[in-house]
Amino acid sequence: MQKVQLRQTWWRFKDTIKVYLYFKCPCCSGSQYRTSQFDISVNNPHGAKCIFCKSAMKAQAC
């Protein structure tokens, strides 16, 4: 019986990948928000709510 060796390859990046999220309110166009673990939902996965009108923020990657 021949033994087969598996080689594990670890991927390493030379540069760090950074993703910045920009939150914008769809109702009042505000950009100030608060996050809460109680506000997390399917439509709001970050739990961010506008501090002015309390609506869920929309996230955009910049």
N, C-alpha and C. Protein backbone atom coordinates (compact mmCIF):
# COMPACT_ATOMS: atom_id res chain seq x y z
N MET A 1 0.84 -1.17 0.00
CA MET A 1 0.00 0.00 0.00
C MET A 1 0.89 1.25 0.00
N GLN A 2 0.62 2.12 -0.95
CA GLN A 2 1.42 3.32 -1.10
C GLN A 2 0.74 4.49 -0.37
N LYS A 3 1.54 5.22 0.36
CA LYS A 3 1.03 6.35 1.12
C LYS A 3 1.11 7.62 0.27
N VAL A 4 0.03 8.36 0.20
CA VAL A 4 -0.01 9.59 -0.57
C VAL A 4 0.05 10.76 0.40
N GLN A 5 1.00 11.65 0.16
CA GLN A 5 1.13 12.83 1.01
C GLN A 5 0.40 14.00 0.38
N LEU A 6 -0.38 14.67 1.18
CA LEU A 6 -1.07 15.87 0.72
C LEU A 6 -0.30 17.09 1.20
N ARG A 7 -0.07 17.99 0.30
CA ARG A 7 0.65 19.21 0.64
C ARG A 7 -0.37 20.34 0.81
N GLN A 8 -0.32 20.98 1.94
CA GLN A 8 -1.21 22.11 2.17
C GLN A 8 -0.52 23.39 1.73
N THR A 9 -1.24 24.18 1.00
CA THR A 9 -0.71 25.46 0.54
C THR A 9 -1.43 26.57 1.27
N TRP A 10 -0.68 27.42 1.91
CA TRP A 10 -1.26 28.57 2.59
C TRP A 10 -1.08 29.79 1.70
N TRP A 11 -2.18 30.47 1.44
CA TRP A 11 -2.13 31.66 0.60
C TRP A 11 -1.81 32.86 1.47
N ARG A 12 -0.85 33.62 1.05
CA ARG A 12 -0.48 34.83 1.77
C ARG A 12 -0.45 35.99 0.80
N PHE A 13 -0.97 37.07 1.26
CA PHE A 13 -1.00 38.27 0.44
C PHE A 13 0.15 39.18 0.83
N LYS A 14 0.77 39.78 -0.15
CA LYS A 14 1.84 40.74 0.12
C LYS A 14 1.27 42.06 0.62
N ASP A 15 0.11 42.42 0.10
CA ASP A 15 -0.53 43.67 0.48
C ASP A 15 -1.83 43.37 1.23
N THR A 16 -2.19 44.24 2.10
CA THR A 16 -3.43 44.09 2.84
C THR A 16 -4.57 44.63 1.99
N ILE A 17 -5.65 43.89 1.93
CA ILE A 17 -6.83 44.32 1.19
C ILE A 17 -7.73 45.09 2.15
N LYS A 18 -8.06 46.32 1.78
CA LYS A 18 -8.90 47.15 2.63
C LYS A 18 -10.18 47.49 1.88
N VAL A 19 -11.29 47.37 2.56
CA VAL A 19 -12.58 47.74 2.01
C VAL A 19 -13.20 48.76 2.95
N TYR A 20 -13.52 49.91 2.44
CA TYR A 20 -14.15 50.96 3.23
C TYR A 20 -15.63 51.01 2.88
N LEU A 21 -16.47 51.07 3.89
CA LEU A 21 -17.91 51.16 3.67
C LEU A 21 -18.37 52.58 3.96
N TYR A 22 -19.20 53.11 3.10
CA TYR A 22 -19.78 54.43 3.27
C TYR A 22 -21.28 54.24 3.45
N PHE A 23 -21.81 54.70 4.58
CA PHE A 23 -23.23 54.55 4.86
C PHE A 23 -23.96 55.84 4.52
N LYS A 24 -25.08 55.71 3.83
CA LYS A 24 -25.90 56.86 3.42
C LYS A 24 -27.36 56.52 3.69
N CYS A 25 -28.08 57.47 4.26
CA CYS A 25 -29.50 57.28 4.56
C CYS A 25 -30.31 57.47 3.27
N PRO A 26 -31.19 56.53 2.94
CA PRO A 26 -32.00 56.69 1.72
C PRO A 26 -33.12 57.72 1.88
N CYS A 27 -33.50 58.04 3.11
CA CYS A 27 -34.61 58.98 3.33
C CYS A 27 -34.16 60.44 3.38
N CYS A 28 -33.19 60.73 4.26
CA CYS A 28 -32.79 62.13 4.46
C CYS A 28 -31.39 62.44 3.93
N SER A 29 -30.73 61.48 3.31
CA SER A 29 -29.38 61.61 2.74
C SER A 29 -28.32 61.94 3.78
N GLY A 30 -28.59 61.61 5.04
CA GLY A 30 -27.61 61.84 6.10
C GLY A 30 -26.53 60.77 6.07
N SER A 31 -25.40 61.07 6.69
CA SER A 31 -24.30 60.10 6.73
C SER A 31 -23.87 59.79 8.16
N GLN A 32 -24.62 60.27 9.15
CA GLN A 32 -24.31 59.95 10.54
C GLN A 32 -25.22 58.82 10.99
N TYR A 33 -24.63 57.83 11.63
CA TYR A 33 -25.38 56.63 11.99
C TYR A 33 -24.90 56.07 13.31
N ARG A 34 -25.68 55.16 13.85
CA ARG A 34 -25.27 54.39 15.01
C ARG A 34 -25.50 52.92 14.67
N THR A 35 -24.74 52.05 15.29
CA THR A 35 -24.90 50.62 15.05
C THR A 35 -25.36 49.95 16.33
N SER A 36 -26.13 48.90 16.17
CA SER A 36 -26.63 48.14 17.31
C SER A 36 -26.79 46.69 16.88
N GLN A 37 -26.49 45.78 17.78
CA GLN A 37 -26.66 44.36 17.46
C GLN A 37 -28.13 44.00 17.36
N PHE A 38 -29.03 44.81 17.92
CA PHE A 38 -30.46 44.54 17.88
C PHE A 38 -31.08 44.99 16.56
N ASP A 39 -30.39 45.80 15.78
CA ASP A 39 -30.90 46.30 14.50
C ASP A 39 -30.42 45.48 13.31
N ILE A 40 -29.68 44.41 13.54
CA ILE A 40 -29.17 43.58 12.44
C ILE A 40 -30.31 42.75 11.86
N SER A 41 -30.44 42.80 10.53
CA SER A 41 -31.46 42.03 9.82
C SER A 41 -30.91 41.64 8.46
N VAL A 42 -31.72 40.98 7.66
CA VAL A 42 -31.29 40.59 6.32
C VAL A 42 -31.08 41.83 5.45
N ASN A 43 -31.96 42.80 5.57
CA ASN A 43 -31.84 44.03 4.78
C ASN A 43 -30.81 45.00 5.35
N ASN A 44 -30.46 44.85 6.63
CA ASN A 44 -29.50 45.74 7.29
C ASN A 44 -28.47 44.89 8.03
N PRO A 45 -27.53 44.25 7.30
CA PRO A 45 -26.61 43.31 7.95
C PRO A 45 -25.59 43.97 8.88
N HIS A 46 -25.38 45.29 8.76
CA HIS A 46 -24.42 45.98 9.62
C HIS A 46 -25.08 46.57 10.86
N GLY A 47 -26.41 46.61 10.89
CA GLY A 47 -27.12 47.16 12.03
C GLY A 47 -26.99 48.66 12.16
N ALA A 48 -26.80 49.36 11.04
CA ALA A 48 -26.62 50.81 11.06
C ALA A 48 -27.96 51.51 10.85
N LYS A 49 -28.25 52.49 11.73
CA LYS A 49 -29.47 53.29 11.61
C LYS A 49 -29.11 54.76 11.63
N CYS A 50 -29.85 55.55 10.87
CA CYS A 50 -29.65 56.99 10.80
C CYS A 50 -29.99 57.62 12.15
N ILE A 51 -29.18 58.57 12.61
CA ILE A 51 -29.46 59.20 13.90
C ILE A 51 -30.53 60.28 13.78
N PHE A 52 -30.85 60.72 12.56
CA PHE A 52 -31.85 61.76 12.38
C PHE A 52 -33.26 61.19 12.21
N CYS A 53 -33.43 60.24 11.29
CA CYS A 53 -34.78 59.74 10.99
C CYS A 53 -34.98 58.27 11.37
N LYS A 54 -33.96 57.62 11.91
CA LYS A 54 -34.02 56.24 12.43
C LYS A 54 -34.32 55.18 11.36
N SER A 55 -34.01 55.48 10.10
CA SER A 55 -34.20 54.47 9.05
C SER A 55 -32.89 53.71 8.84
N ALA A 56 -32.99 52.54 8.24
CA ALA A 56 -31.81 51.70 8.00
C ALA A 56 -30.92 52.34 6.94
N MET A 57 -29.62 52.33 7.19
CA MET A 57 -28.66 52.94 6.27
C MET A 57 -28.34 51.97 5.13
N LYS A 58 -27.99 52.52 3.98
CA LYS A 58 -27.52 51.74 2.84
C LYS A 58 -26.00 51.85 2.77
N ALA A 59 -25.34 50.72 2.60
CA ALA A 59 -23.88 50.70 2.56
C ALA A 59 -23.38 50.69 1.13
N GLN A 60 -22.32 51.46 0.88
CA GLN A 60 -21.65 51.49 -0.42
C GLN A 60 -20.17 51.29 -0.17
N ALA A 61 -19.52 50.49 -1.00
CA ALA A 61 -18.07 50.30 -0.88
C ALA A 61 -17.37 51.41 -1.66
N CYS A 62 -16.34 52.01 -1.05
CA CYS A 62 -15.59 53.05 -1.75
C CYS A 62 -14.18 52.57 -1.99
